[in-house]
Structure formats: structure tokens, C-alpha cells
């Protein structure tokens, strides 16, 4: 999975730090949703929801499109791929550390 180069990782991580924004991403992850339906599902005002969607869009984590008079929002998978790529870089080192700790414990038990 290749990360999009134009995603600002700092903005994306700050956006994901907010629980309301993560909840919005859950709502819009599978299909485009209008602001009103997102707000209703989460119990937020439309103004608050619009603010959070703006942050998610600027961070590259959501995208919007027009359907007549409705503005629909959906997760931008390429933006999430940039975050995932960054986080995936931590796993090999962590797994190597875990492996070393387990092997060290096993050796101490034997020895």
C-alpha cells in the first residue's frame, strides 16, 4: 500500500486525535453521507459536524462531493494509507524487540 505524498502527516495525526473525528470516519467509511445524517447519527450539531469534516478534509482523511444540493462526505482511503504507512514502519522494530524478549526469557529458563 503506497502512501499519498501530499498528505500532511502531522495534520492527519492531529485530526485522528479527536474522538468525534474518528467517529465521523466510522460513519463515512463505507459510503458517502450528508452532513445532516452524520450529525444525527452521532448526536452532534450540523455546525460541529461540518467543522470536524473540514478538519478531516484538510488532513486528507475525508473527501466531499456534490449530489444536487447535498454535500456528501466519504473516507479518503489514500489519506488513511499515508497514516498507516507511517505506523507500519514501527512494527518490524517492535516485533524484533518482542522476539528478543521472548527468546531471552526462554534462554533464562533453560539456563
PDB file of N, CA and C in Angstrom:
ATOM      1  N   UNK A   1       0.855  -1.177   0.000  1.00  0.00           N
ATOM      2  CA  UNK A   1       0.000   0.000   0.000  1.00  0.00           C
ATOM      3  C   UNK A   1       0.894   1.231   0.000  1.00  0.00           C
ATOM      4  N   UNK A   2       0.807   2.036  -1.025  1.00  0.00           N
ATOM      5  CA  UNK A   2       1.662   3.209  -1.138  1.00  0.00           C
ATOM      6  C   UNK A   2       0.943   4.441  -0.606  1.00  0.00           C
ATOM      7  N   UNK A   3       1.636   5.224   0.199  1.00  0.00           N
ATOM      8  CA  UNK A   3       1.062   6.431   0.802  1.00  0.00           C
ATOM      9  C   UNK A   3       1.069   7.577  -0.191  1.00  0.00           C
ATOM     10  N   UNK A   4       0.077   8.423  -0.082  1.00  0.00           N
ATOM     11  CA  UNK A   4      -0.022   9.610  -0.927  1.00  0.00           C
ATOM     12  C   UNK A   4       0.964  10.654  -0.431  1.00  0.00           C
ATOM     13  N   UNK A   5       1.719  11.235  -1.311  1.00  0.00           N
ATOM     14  CA  UNK A   5       2.781  12.162  -0.938  1.00  0.00           C
ATOM     15  C   UNK A   5       2.253  13.501  -0.430  1.00  0.00           C
ATOM     16  N   UNK A   6       1.038  13.904  -0.841  1.00  0.00           N
ATOM     17  CA  UNK A   6       0.559  15.233  -0.476  1.00  0.00           C
ATOM     18  C   UNK A   6      -0.187  15.273   0.859  1.00  0.00           C
ATOM     19  N   UNK A   7      -0.235  14.171   1.587  1.00  0.00           N
ATOM     20  CA  UNK A   7      -0.897  14.158   2.889  1.00  0.00           C
ATOM     21  C   UNK A   7       0.072  14.691   3.945  1.00  0.00           C
ATOM     22  N   UNK A   8      -0.395  15.678   4.722  1.00  0.00           N
ATOM     23  CA  UNK A   8       0.395  16.225   5.816  1.00  0.00           C
ATOM     24  C   UNK A   8       0.179  15.303   7.015  1.00  0.00           C
ATOM     25  N   UNK A   9       1.181  14.509   7.321  1.00  0.00           N
ATOM     26  CA  UNK A   9       1.061  13.506   8.374  1.00  0.00           C
ATOM     27  C   UNK A   9       0.737  14.130   9.727  1.00  0.00           C
ATOM     28  N   UNK A  10       1.331  15.274  10.040  1.00  0.00           N
ATOM     29  CA  UNK A  10       1.044  15.934  11.315  1.00  0.00           C
ATOM     30  C   UNK A  10      -0.422  16.331  11.407  1.00  0.00           C
ATOM     31  N   UNK A  11      -0.962  16.903  10.330  1.00  0.00           N
ATOM     32  CA  UNK A  11      -2.380  17.262  10.315  1.00  0.00           C
ATOM     33  C   UNK A  11      -3.255  16.025  10.470  1.00  0.00           C
ATOM     34  N   UNK A  12      -2.901  14.960   9.770  1.00  0.00           N
ATOM     35  CA  UNK A  12      -3.693  13.739   9.826  1.00  0.00           C
ATOM     36  C   UNK A  12      -3.691  13.144  11.235  1.00  0.00           C
ATOM     37  N   UNK A  13      -2.534  13.095  11.871  1.00  0.00           N
ATOM     38  CA  UNK A  13      -2.468  12.532  13.226  1.00  0.00           C
ATOM     39  C   UNK A  13      -3.217  13.412  14.230  1.00  0.00           C
ATOM     40  N   UNK A  14      -3.116  14.728  14.078  1.00  0.00           N
ATOM     41  CA  UNK A  14      -3.883  15.625  14.963  1.00  0.00           C
ATOM     42  C   UNK A  14      -5.382  15.435  14.744  1.00  0.00           C
ATOM     43  N   UNK A  15      -5.779  15.273  13.499  1.00  0.00           N
ATOM     44  CA  UNK A  15      -7.201  15.061  13.200  1.00  0.00           C
ATOM     45  C   UNK A  15      -7.693  13.771  13.850  1.00  0.00           C
ATOM     46  N   UNK A  16      -6.891  12.732  13.789  1.00  0.00           N
ATOM     47  CA  UNK A  16      -7.279  11.442  14.366  1.00  0.00           C
ATOM     48  C   UNK A  16      -7.264  11.433  15.890  1.00  0.00           C
ATOM     49  N   UNK A  17      -6.642  12.430  16.487  1.00  0.00           N
ATOM     50  CA  UNK A  17      -6.575  12.501  17.951  1.00  0.00           C
ATOM     51  C   UNK A  17      -7.927  12.842  18.572  1.00  0.00           C
ATOM     52  N   UNK A  18      -8.856  13.352  17.778  1.00  0.00           N
ATOM     53  CA  UNK A  18     -10.171  13.759  18.288  1.00  0.00           C
ATOM     54  C   UNK A  18     -11.175  12.623  18.115  1.00  0.00           C
ATOM     55  N   UNK A  19     -11.844  12.254  19.192  1.00  0.00           N
ATOM     56  CA  UNK A  19     -12.813  11.160  19.175  1.00  0.00           C
ATOM     57  C   UNK A  19     -13.987  11.402  18.240  1.00  0.00           C
ATOM     58  N   UNK A  20     -14.461  12.645  18.155  1.00  0.00           N
ATOM     59  CA  UNK A  20     -15.568  12.939  17.242  1.00  0.00           C
ATOM     60  C   UNK A  20     -15.156  12.704  15.792  1.00  0.00           C
ATOM     61  N   UNK A  21     -13.940  13.048  15.466  1.00  0.00           N
ATOM     62  CA  UNK A  21     -13.475  12.854  14.087  1.00  0.00           C
ATOM     63  C   UNK A  21     -13.323  11.381  13.766  1.00  0.00           C
ATOM     64  N   UNK A  22     -12.831  10.615  14.728  1.00  0.00           N
ATOM     65  CA  UNK A  22     -12.740   9.168  14.497  1.00  0.00           C
ATOM     66  C   UNK A  22     -14.133   8.568  14.332  1.00  0.00           C
ATOM     67  N   UNK A  23     -15.102   9.052  15.109  1.00  0.00           N
ATOM     68  CA  UNK A  23     -16.481   8.570  14.985  1.00  0.00           C
ATOM     69  C   UNK A  23     -17.048   8.933  13.612  1.00  0.00           C
ATOM     70  N   UNK A  24     -16.761  10.132  13.141  1.00  0.00           N
ATOM     71  CA  UNK A  24     -17.218  10.542  11.814  1.00  0.00           C
ATOM     72  C   UNK A  24     -16.632   9.626  10.744  1.00  0.00           C
ATOM     73  N   UNK A  25     -15.352   9.314  10.861  1.00  0.00           N
ATOM     74  CA  UNK A  25     -14.728   8.414   9.891  1.00  0.00           C
ATOM     75  C   UNK A  25     -15.410   7.047   9.890  1.00  0.00           C
ATOM     76  N   UNK A  26     -15.825   6.588  11.051  1.00  0.00           N
ATOM     77  CA  UNK A  26     -16.557   5.308  11.119  1.00  0.00           C
ATOM     78  C   UNK A  26     -17.862   5.393  10.337  1.00  0.00           C
ATOM     79  N   UNK A  27     -18.554   6.514  10.461  1.00  0.00           N
ATOM     80  CA  UNK A  27     -19.844   6.692   9.790  1.00  0.00           C
ATOM     81  C   UNK A  27     -19.670   6.766   8.271  1.00  0.00           C
ATOM     82  N   UNK A  28     -18.610   7.420   7.809  1.00  0.00           N
ATOM     83  CA  UNK A  28     -18.445   7.645   6.370  1.00  0.00           C
ATOM     84  C   UNK A  28     -17.490   6.660   5.711  1.00  0.00           C
ATOM     85  N   UNK A  29     -17.095   5.630   6.408  1.00  0.00           N
ATOM     86  CA  UNK A  29     -16.086   4.727   5.847  1.00  0.00           C
ATOM     87  C   UNK A  29     -16.587   3.862   4.703  1.00  0.00           C
ATOM     88  N   UNK A  30     -17.869   3.534   4.681  1.00  0.00           N
ATOM     89  CA  UNK A  30     -18.336   2.611   3.652  1.00  0.00           C
ATOM     90  C   UNK A  30     -19.144   3.259   2.534  1.00  0.00           C
ATOM     91  N   UNK A  31     -19.702   4.429   2.795  1.00  0.00           N
ATOM     92  CA  UNK A  31     -20.467   5.100   1.739  1.00  0.00           C
ATOM     93  C   UNK A  31     -20.571   6.590   2.038  1.00  0.00           C
ATOM     94  N   UNK A  32     -20.685   7.392   0.986  1.00  0.00           N
ATOM     95  CA  UNK A  32     -20.810   8.841   1.178  1.00  0.00           C
ATOM     96  C   UNK A  32     -22.063   9.191   1.968  1.00  0.00           C
ATOM     97  N   UNK A  33     -21.910  10.123   2.907  1.00  0.00           N
ATOM     98  CA  UNK A  33     -23.018  10.527   3.776  1.00  0.00           C
ATOM     99  C   UNK A  33     -23.113  12.055   3.804  1.00  0.00           C
ATOM    100  N   UNK A  34     -24.343  12.595   3.857  1.00  0.00           N
ATOM    101  CA  UNK A  34     -24.502  14.044   4.003  1.00  0.00           C
ATOM    102  C   UNK A  34     -24.275  14.470   5.446  1.00  0.00           C
ATOM    103  N   UNK A  35     -23.903  15.715   5.628  1.00  0.00           N
ATOM    104  CA  UNK A  35     -23.601  16.262   6.947  1.00  0.00           C
ATOM    105  C   UNK A  35     -24.743  16.005   7.935  1.00  0.00           C
ATOM    106  N   UNK A  36     -25.967  16.262   7.511  1.00  0.00           N
ATOM    107  CA  UNK A  36     -27.114  16.107   8.409  1.00  0.00           C
ATOM    108  C   UNK A  36     -27.252  14.698   8.955  1.00  0.00           C
ATOM    109  N   UNK A  37     -27.041  13.698   8.110  1.00  0.00           N
ATOM    110  CA  UNK A  37     -27.159  12.307   8.570  1.00  0.00           C
ATOM    111  C   UNK A  37     -26.003  11.921   9.490  1.00  0.00           C
ATOM    112  N   UNK A  38     -24.826  12.424   9.186  1.00  0.00           N
ATOM    113  CA  UNK A  38     -23.672  12.167  10.059  1.00  0.00           C
ATOM    114  C   UNK A  38     -23.940  12.772  11.432  1.00  0.00           C
ATOM    115  N   UNK A  39     -24.380  14.029  11.439  1.00  0.00           N
ATOM    116  CA  UNK A  39     -24.659  14.729  12.700  1.00  0.00           C
ATOM    117  C   UNK A  39     -25.726  13.997  13.503  1.00  0.00           C
ATOM    118  N   UNK A  40     -26.789  13.578  12.830  1.00  0.00           N
ATOM    119  CA  UNK A  40     -27.872  12.888  13.523  1.00  0.00           C
ATOM    120  C   UNK A  40     -27.407  11.568  14.119  1.00  0.00           C
ATOM    121  N   UNK A  41     -26.659  10.810  13.348  1.00  0.00           N
ATOM    122  CA  UNK A  41     -26.184   9.510  13.834  1.00  0.00           C
ATOM    123  C   UNK A  41     -25.287   9.649  15.064  1.00  0.00           C
ATOM    124  N   UNK A  42     -24.497  10.719  15.106  1.00  0.00           N
ATOM    125  CA  UNK A  42     -23.541  10.897  16.201  1.00  0.00           C
ATOM    126  C   UNK A  42     -24.045  11.795  17.322  1.00  0.00           C
ATOM    127  N   UNK A  43     -25.213  12.404  17.123  1.00  0.00           N
ATOM    128  CA  UNK A  43     -25.740  13.301  18.154  1.00  0.00           C
ATOM    129  C   UNK A  43     -24.978  14.611  18.250  1.00  0.00           C
ATOM    130  N   UNK A  44     -24.431  15.053  17.133  1.00  0.00           N
ATOM    131  CA  UNK A  44     -23.700  16.315  17.075  1.00  0.00           C
ATOM    132  C   UNK A  44     -24.538  17.333  16.307  1.00  0.00           C
ATOM    133  N   UNK A  45     -24.236  18.612  16.501  1.00  0.00           N
ATOM    134  CA  UNK A  45     -24.906  19.628  15.695  1.00  0.00           C
ATOM    135  C   UNK A  45     -24.312  19.585  14.286  1.00  0.00           C
ATOM    136  N   UNK A  46     -25.070  20.113  13.321  1.00  0.00           N
ATOM    137  CA  UNK A  46     -24.547  20.160  11.955  1.00  0.00           C
ATOM    138  C   UNK A  46     -23.330  21.071  11.878  1.00  0.00           C
ATOM    139  N   UNK A  47     -23.333  22.145  12.651  1.00  0.00           N
ATOM    140  CA  UNK A  47     -22.200  23.066  12.655  1.00  0.00           C
ATOM    141  C   UNK A  47     -20.938  22.365  13.164  1.00  0.00           C
ATOM    142  N   UNK A  48     -21.059  21.628  14.264  1.00  0.00           N
ATOM    143  CA  UNK A  48     -19.913  20.893  14.819  1.00  0.00           C
ATOM    144  C   UNK A  48     -19.435  19.835  13.839  1.00  0.00           C
ATOM    145  N   UNK A  49     -20.377  19.123  13.244  1.00  0.00           N
ATOM    146  CA  UNK A  49     -20.031  18.078  12.278  1.00  0.00           C
ATOM    147  C   UNK A  49     -19.312  18.680  11.075  1.00  0.00           C
ATOM    148  N   UNK A  50     -19.807  19.794  10.571  1.00  0.00           N
ATOM    149  CA  UNK A  50     -19.165  20.467   9.434  1.00  0.00           C
ATOM    150  C   UNK A  50     -17.743  20.903   9.780  1.00  0.00           C
ATOM    151  N   UNK A  51     -17.561  21.413  10.989  1.00  0.00           N
ATOM    152  CA  UNK A  51     -16.219  21.810  11.433  1.00  0.00           C
ATOM    153  C   UNK A  51     -15.273  20.609  11.400  1.00  0.00           C
ATOM    154  N   UNK A  52     -15.699  19.500  11.997  1.00  0.00           N
ATOM    155  CA  UNK A  52     -14.846  18.303  12.045  1.00  0.00           C
ATOM    156  C   UNK A  52     -14.583  17.751  10.647  1.00  0.00           C
ATOM    157  N   UNK A  53     -15.585  17.782   9.775  1.00  0.00           N
ATOM    158  CA  UNK A  53     -15.384  17.325   8.400  1.00  0.00           C
ATOM    159  C   UNK A  53     -14.369  18.207   7.680  1.00  0.00           C
ATOM    160  N   UNK A  54     -14.383  19.504   7.955  1.00  0.00           N
ATOM    161  CA  UNK A  54     -13.393  20.401   7.367  1.00  0.00           C
ATOM    162  C   UNK A  54     -11.981  20.047   7.804  1.00  0.00           C
ATOM    163  N   UNK A  55     -11.828  19.728   9.083  1.00  0.00           N
ATOM    164  CA  UNK A  55     -10.512  19.317   9.592  1.00  0.00           C
ATOM    165  C   UNK A  55     -10.075  18.018   8.909  1.00  0.00           C
ATOM    166  N   UNK A  56     -10.990  17.065   8.798  1.00  0.00           N
ATOM    167  CA  UNK A  56     -10.666  15.784   8.156  1.00  0.00           C
ATOM    168  C   UNK A  56     -10.306  15.971   6.684  1.00  0.00           C
ATOM    169  N   UNK A  57     -10.993  16.874   6.006  1.00  0.00           N
ATOM    170  CA  UNK A  57     -10.682  17.150   4.595  1.00  0.00           C
ATOM    171  C   UNK A  57      -9.308  17.781   4.455  1.00  0.00           C
ATOM    172  N   UNK A  58      -9.015  18.785   5.277  1.00  0.00           N
ATOM    173  CA  UNK A  58      -7.694  19.447   5.204  1.00  0.00           C
ATOM    174  C   UNK A  58      -6.563  18.473   5.533  1.00  0.00           C
ATOM    175  N   UNK A  59      -6.868  17.494   6.369  1.00  0.00           N
ATOM    176  CA  UNK A  59      -5.868  16.495   6.752  1.00  0.00           C
ATOM    177  C   UNK A  59      -5.726  15.394   5.702  1.00  0.00           C
ATOM    178  N   UNK A  60      -6.599  15.395   4.693  1.00  0.00           N
ATOM    179  CA  UNK A  60      -6.532  14.379   3.644  1.00  0.00           C
ATOM    180  C   UNK A  60      -7.195  13.065   4.021  1.00  0.00           C
ATOM    181  N   UNK A  61      -8.027  13.069   5.070  1.00  0.00           N
ATOM    182  CA  UNK A  61      -8.659  11.838   5.546  1.00  0.00           C
ATOM    183  C   UNK A  61     -10.096  11.669   5.074  1.00  0.00           C
ATOM    184  N   UNK A  62     -10.687  12.714   4.547  1.00  0.00           N
ATOM    185  CA  UNK A  62     -12.056  12.659   4.027  1.00  0.00           C
ATOM    186  C   UNK A  62     -12.126  13.505   2.771  1.00  0.00           C
ATOM    187  N   UNK A  63     -13.072  13.191   1.946  1.00  0.00           N
ATOM    188  CA  UNK A  63     -13.287  13.958   0.728  1.00  0.00           C
ATOM    189  C   UNK A  63     -14.776  14.197   0.554  1.00  0.00           C
ATOM    190  N   UNK A  64     -15.107  15.270  -0.115  1.00  0.00           N
ATOM    191  CA  UNK A  64     -16.508  15.616  -0.309  1.00  0.00           C
ATOM    192  C   UNK A  64     -16.862  15.742  -1.774  1.00  0.00           C
ATOM    193  N   UNK A  65     -18.134  15.546  -2.078  1.00  0.00           N
ATOM    194  CA  UNK A  65     -18.636  15.725  -3.438  1.00  0.00           C
ATOM    195  C   UNK A  65     -20.073  16.222  -3.366  1.00  0.00           C
ATOM    196  N   UNK A  66     -20.530  16.793  -4.437  1.00  0.00           N
ATOM    197  CA  UNK A  66     -21.896  17.319  -4.501  1.00  0.00           C
ATOM    198  C   UNK A  66     -22.811  16.310  -5.191  1.00  0.00           C
ATOM    199  N   UNK A  67     -23.999  16.171  -4.648  1.00  0.00           N
ATOM    200  CA  UNK A  67     -25.065  15.385  -5.259  1.00  0.00           C
ATOM    201  C   UNK A  67     -26.299  16.276  -5.235  1.00  0.00           C
ATOM    202  N   UNK A  68     -26.459  17.059  -6.277  1.00  0.00           N
ATOM    203  CA  UNK A  68     -27.534  18.049  -6.287  1.00  0.00           C
ATOM    204  C   UNK A  68     -27.240  19.112  -5.253  1.00  0.00           C
ATOM    205  N   UNK A  69     -28.128  19.270  -4.282  1.00  0.00           N
ATOM    206  CA  UNK A  69     -27.926  20.264  -3.231  1.00  0.00           C
ATOM    207  C   UNK A  69     -27.221  19.685  -2.013  1.00  0.00           C
ATOM    208  N   UNK A  70     -27.039  18.375  -2.008  1.00  0.00           N
ATOM    209  CA  UNK A  70     -26.389  17.736  -0.854  1.00  0.00           C
ATOM    210  C   UNK A  70     -24.881  17.658  -1.038  1.00  0.00           C
ATOM    211  N   UNK A  71     -24.174  17.850   0.050  1.00  0.00           N
ATOM    212  CA  UNK A  71     -22.727  17.696   0.072  1.00  0.00           C
ATOM    213  C   UNK A  71     -22.448  16.389   0.802  1.00  0.00           C
ATOM    214  N   UNK A  72     -21.872  15.420   0.085  1.00  0.00           N
ATOM    215  CA  UNK A  72     -21.615  14.092   0.645  1.00  0.00           C
ATOM    216  C   UNK A  72     -20.139  13.941   0.994  1.00  0.00           C
ATOM    217  N   UNK A  73     -19.882  13.225   2.097  1.00  0.00           N
ATOM    218  CA  UNK A  73     -18.519  13.004   2.552  1.00  0.00           C
ATOM    219  C   UNK A  73     -18.246  11.517   2.690  1.00  0.00           C
ATOM    220  N   UNK A  74     -17.020  11.141   2.359  1.00  0.00           N
ATOM    221  CA  UNK A  74     -16.585   9.753   2.460  1.00  0.00           C
ATOM    222  C   UNK A  74     -15.107   9.742   2.859  1.00  0.00           C
ATOM    223  N   UNK A  75     -14.662   8.645   3.442  1.00  0.00           N
ATOM    224  CA  UNK A  75     -13.256   8.490   3.831  1.00  0.00           C
ATOM    225  C   UNK A  75     -12.376   8.531   2.583  1.00  0.00           C
ATOM    226  N   UNK A  76     -11.262   9.214   2.699  1.00  0.00           N
ATOM    227  CA  UNK A  76     -10.253   9.223   1.636  1.00  0.00           C
ATOM    228  C   UNK A  76      -9.237   8.130   1.991  1.00  0.00           C
ATOM    229  N   UNK A  77      -9.371   6.990   1.339  1.00  0.00           N
ATOM    230  CA  UNK A  77      -8.522   5.844   1.657  1.00  0.00           C
ATOM    231  C   UNK A  77      -7.041   6.116   1.418  1.00  0.00           C
ATOM    232  N   UNK A  78      -6.735   6.969   0.449  1.00  0.00           N
ATOM    233  CA  UNK A  78      -5.332   7.299   0.198  1.00  0.00           C
ATOM    234  C   UNK A  78      -4.729   8.071   1.372  1.00  0.00           C
ATOM    235  N   UNK A  79      -5.524   8.943   1.972  1.00  0.00           N
ATOM    236  CA  UNK A  79      -5.053   9.684   3.141  1.00  0.00           C
ATOM    237  C   UNK A  79      -4.799   8.766   4.327  1.00  0.00           C
ATOM    238  N   UNK A  80      -5.708   7.833   4.527  1.00  0.00           N
ATOM    239  CA  UNK A  80      -5.509   6.867   5.616  1.00  0.00           C
ATOM    240  C   UNK A  80      -4.305   5.974   5.335  1.00  0.00           C
ATOM    241  N   UNK A  81      -4.043   5.693   4.067  1.00  0.00           N
ATOM    242  CA  UNK A  81      -2.887   4.868   3.713  1.00  0.00           C
ATOM    243  C   UNK A  81      -1.585   5.546   4.125  1.00  0.00           C
ATOM    244  N   UNK A  82      -1.534   6.873   4.041  1.00  0.00           N
ATOM    245  CA  UNK A  82      -0.338   7.604   4.454  1.00  0.00           C
ATOM    246  C   UNK A  82      -0.089   7.434   5.953  1.00  0.00           C
ATOM    247  N   UNK A  83      -1.166   7.496   6.739  1.00  0.00           N
ATOM    248  CA  UNK A  83      -1.044   7.302   8.187  1.00  0.00           C
ATOM    249  C   UNK A  83      -0.632   5.862   8.480  1.00  0.00           C
ATOM    250  N   UNK A  84      -1.281   4.934   7.803  1.00  0.00           N
ATOM    251  CA  UNK A  84      -0.961   3.526   8.029  1.00  0.00           C
ATOM    252  C   UNK A  84       0.487   3.221   7.674  1.00  0.00           C
ATOM    253  N   UNK A  85       0.953   3.767   6.570  1.00  0.00           N
ATOM    254  CA  UNK A  85       2.335   3.548   6.159  1.00  0.00           C
ATOM    255  C   UNK A  85       3.304   4.030   7.234  1.00  0.00           C
ATOM    256  N   UNK A  86       3.016   5.179   7.788  1.00  0.00           N
ATOM    257  CA  UNK A  86       3.864   5.719   8.862  1.00  0.00           C
ATOM    258  C   UNK A  86       3.861   4.781  10.069  1.00  0.00           C
ATOM    259  N   UNK A  87       2.679   4.336  10.479  1.00  0.00           N
ATOM    260  CA  UNK A  87       2.575   3.466  11.651  1.00  0.00           C
ATOM    261  C   UNK A  87       3.148   2.078  11.391  1.00  0.00           C
ATOM    262  N   UNK A  88       2.999   1.587  10.178  1.00  0.00           N
ATOM    263  CA  UNK A  88       3.537   0.266   9.839  1.00  0.00           C
ATOM    264  C   UNK A  88       5.049   0.203  10.004  1.00  0.00           C
ATOM    265  N   UNK A  89       5.721   1.335   9.840  1.00  0.00           N
ATOM    266  CA  UNK A  89       7.174   1.356   9.997  1.00  0.00           C
ATOM    267  C   UNK A  89       7.616   1.001  11.416  1.00  0.00           C
ATOM    268  N   UNK A  90       6.727   1.126  12.379  1.00  0.00           N
ATOM    269  CA  UNK A  90       7.081   0.816  13.765  1.00  0.00           C
ATOM    270  C   UNK A  90       7.027  -0.674  14.065  1.00  0.00           C
ATOM    271  N   UNK A  91       6.222  -1.414  13.332  1.00  0.00           N
ATOM    272  CA  UNK A  91       6.013  -2.827  13.664  1.00  0.00           C
ATOM    273  C   UNK A  91       7.252  -3.695  13.575  1.00  0.00           C
ATOM    274  N   UNK A  92       8.075  -3.634  12.530  1.00  0.00           N
ATOM    275  CA  UNK A  92       9.232  -4.530  12.493  1.00  0.00           C
ATOM    276  C   UNK A  92      10.131  -4.379  13.720  1.00  0.00           C
ATOM    277  N   UNK A  93      10.399  -3.157  14.144  1.00  0.00           N
ATOM    278  CA  UNK A  93      11.261  -2.942  15.310  1.00  0.00           C
ATOM    279  C   UNK A  93      10.594  -3.474  16.570  1.00  0.00           C
ATOM    280  N   UNK A  94       9.292  -3.220  16.715  1.00  0.00           N
ATOM    281  CA  UNK A  94       8.577  -3.698  17.907  1.00  0.00           C
ATOM    282  C   UNK A  94       8.532  -5.224  17.935  1.00  0.00           C
ATOM    283  N   UNK A  95       8.291  -5.836  16.784  1.00  0.00           N
ATOM    284  CA  UNK A  95       8.241  -7.291  16.726  1.00  0.00           C
ATOM    285  C   UNK A  95       9.616  -7.896  16.998  1.00  0.00           C
ATOM    286  N   UNK A  96      10.654  -7.258  16.506  1.00  0.00           N
ATOM    287  CA  UNK A  96      12.014  -7.740  16.772  1.00  0.00           C
ATOM    288  C   UNK A  96      12.313  -7.645  18.267  1.00  0.00           C
ATOM    289  N   UNK A  97      11.879  -6.563  18.911  1.00  0.00           N
ATOM    290  CA  UNK A  97      12.068  -6.413  20.351  1.00  0.00           C
ATOM    291  C   UNK A  97      11.306  -7.464  21.133  1.00  0.00           C
ATOM    292  N   UNK A  98      10.078  -7.741  20.717  1.00  0.00           N
ATOM    293  CA  UNK A  98       9.277  -8.777  21.372  1.00  0.00           C
ATOM    294  C   UNK A  98       9.927 -10.141  21.211  1.00  0.00           C
ATOM    295  N   UNK A  99      10.398 -10.433  20.009  1.00  0.00           N
ATOM    296  CA  UNK A  99      11.062 -11.708  19.751  1.00  0.00           C
ATOM    297  C   UNK A  99      12.297 -11.858  20.643  1.00  0.00           C
ATOM    298  N   UNK A 100      13.094 -10.812  20.736  1.00  0.00           N
ATOM    299  CA  UNK A 100      14.301 -10.863  21.566  1.00  0.00           C
ATOM    300  C   UNK A 100      13.948 -11.082  23.037  1.00  0.00           C
ATOM    301  N   UNK A 101      12.881 -10.432  23.514  1.00  0.00           N
ATOM    302  CA  UNK A 101      12.472 -10.596  24.908  1.00  0.00           C
ATOM    303  C   UNK A 101      12.008 -12.019  25.169  1.00  0.00           C
ATOM    304  N   UNK A 102      11.243 -12.591  24.270  1.00  0.00           N
ATOM    305  CA  UNK A 102      10.748 -13.963  24.435  1.00  0.00           C
ATOM    306  C   UNK A 102      11.911 -14.949  24.405  1.00  0.00           C
ATOM    307  N   UNK A 103      12.811 -14.766  23.450  1.00  0.00           N
ATOM    308  CA  UNK A 103      13.953 -15.665  23.363  1.00  0.00           C
ATOM    309  C   UNK A 103      14.852 -15.558  24.578  1.00  0.00           C
ATOM    310  N   UNK A 104      15.021 -14.368  25.109  1.00  0.00           N
ATOM    311  CA  UNK A 104      15.823 -14.152  26.297  1.00  0.00           C
ATOM    312  C   UNK A 104      15.203 -14.858  27.501  1.00  0.00           C
ATOM    313  N   UNK A 105      13.888 -14.747  27.617  1.00  0.00           N
ATOM    314  CA  UNK A 105      13.170 -15.428  28.706  1.00  0.00           C
ATOM    315  C   UNK A 105      13.312 -16.937  28.604  1.00  0.00           C
ATOM    316  N   UNK A 106      13.160 -17.468  27.395  1.00  0.00           N
ATOM    317  CA  UNK A 106      13.278 -18.909  27.201  1.00  0.00           C
ATOM    318  C   UNK A 106      14.683 -19.398  27.545  1.00  0.00           C
ATOM    319  N   UNK A 107      15.674 -18.605  27.153  1.00  0.00           N
ATOM    320  CA  UNK A 107      17.060 -18.976  27.451  1.00  0.00           C
ATOM    321  C   UNK A 107      17.317 -18.915  28.958  1.00  0.00           C
ATOM    322  N   UNK A 108      16.771 -17.944  29.632  1.00  0.00           N
ATOM    323  CA  UNK A 108      16.950 -17.829  31.086  1.00  0.00           C
ATOM    324  C   UNK A 108      16.302 -18.999  31.818  1.00  0.00           C
ATOM    325  N   UNK A 109      15.169 -19.480  31.325  1.00  0.00           N
ATOM    326  CA  UNK A 109      14.509 -20.638  31.932  1.00  0.00           C
ATOM    327  C   UNK A 109      15.314 -21.907  31.763  1.00  0.00           C
ATOM    328  N   UNK A 110      15.971 -22.013  30.608  1.00  0.00           N
ATOM    329  CA  UNK A 110      16.773 -23.218  30.322  1.00  0.00           C
ATOM    330  C   UNK A 110      18.080 -23.207  31.107  1.00  0.00           C
ATOM    331  N   UNK A 111      18.567 -22.031  31.340  1.00  0.00           N
ATOM    332  CA  UNK A 111      19.901 -21.984  31.744  1.00  0.00           C
ATOM    333  C   UNK A 111      20.346 -21.763  33.064  1.00  0.00           C
TER     334      UNK A 111
END
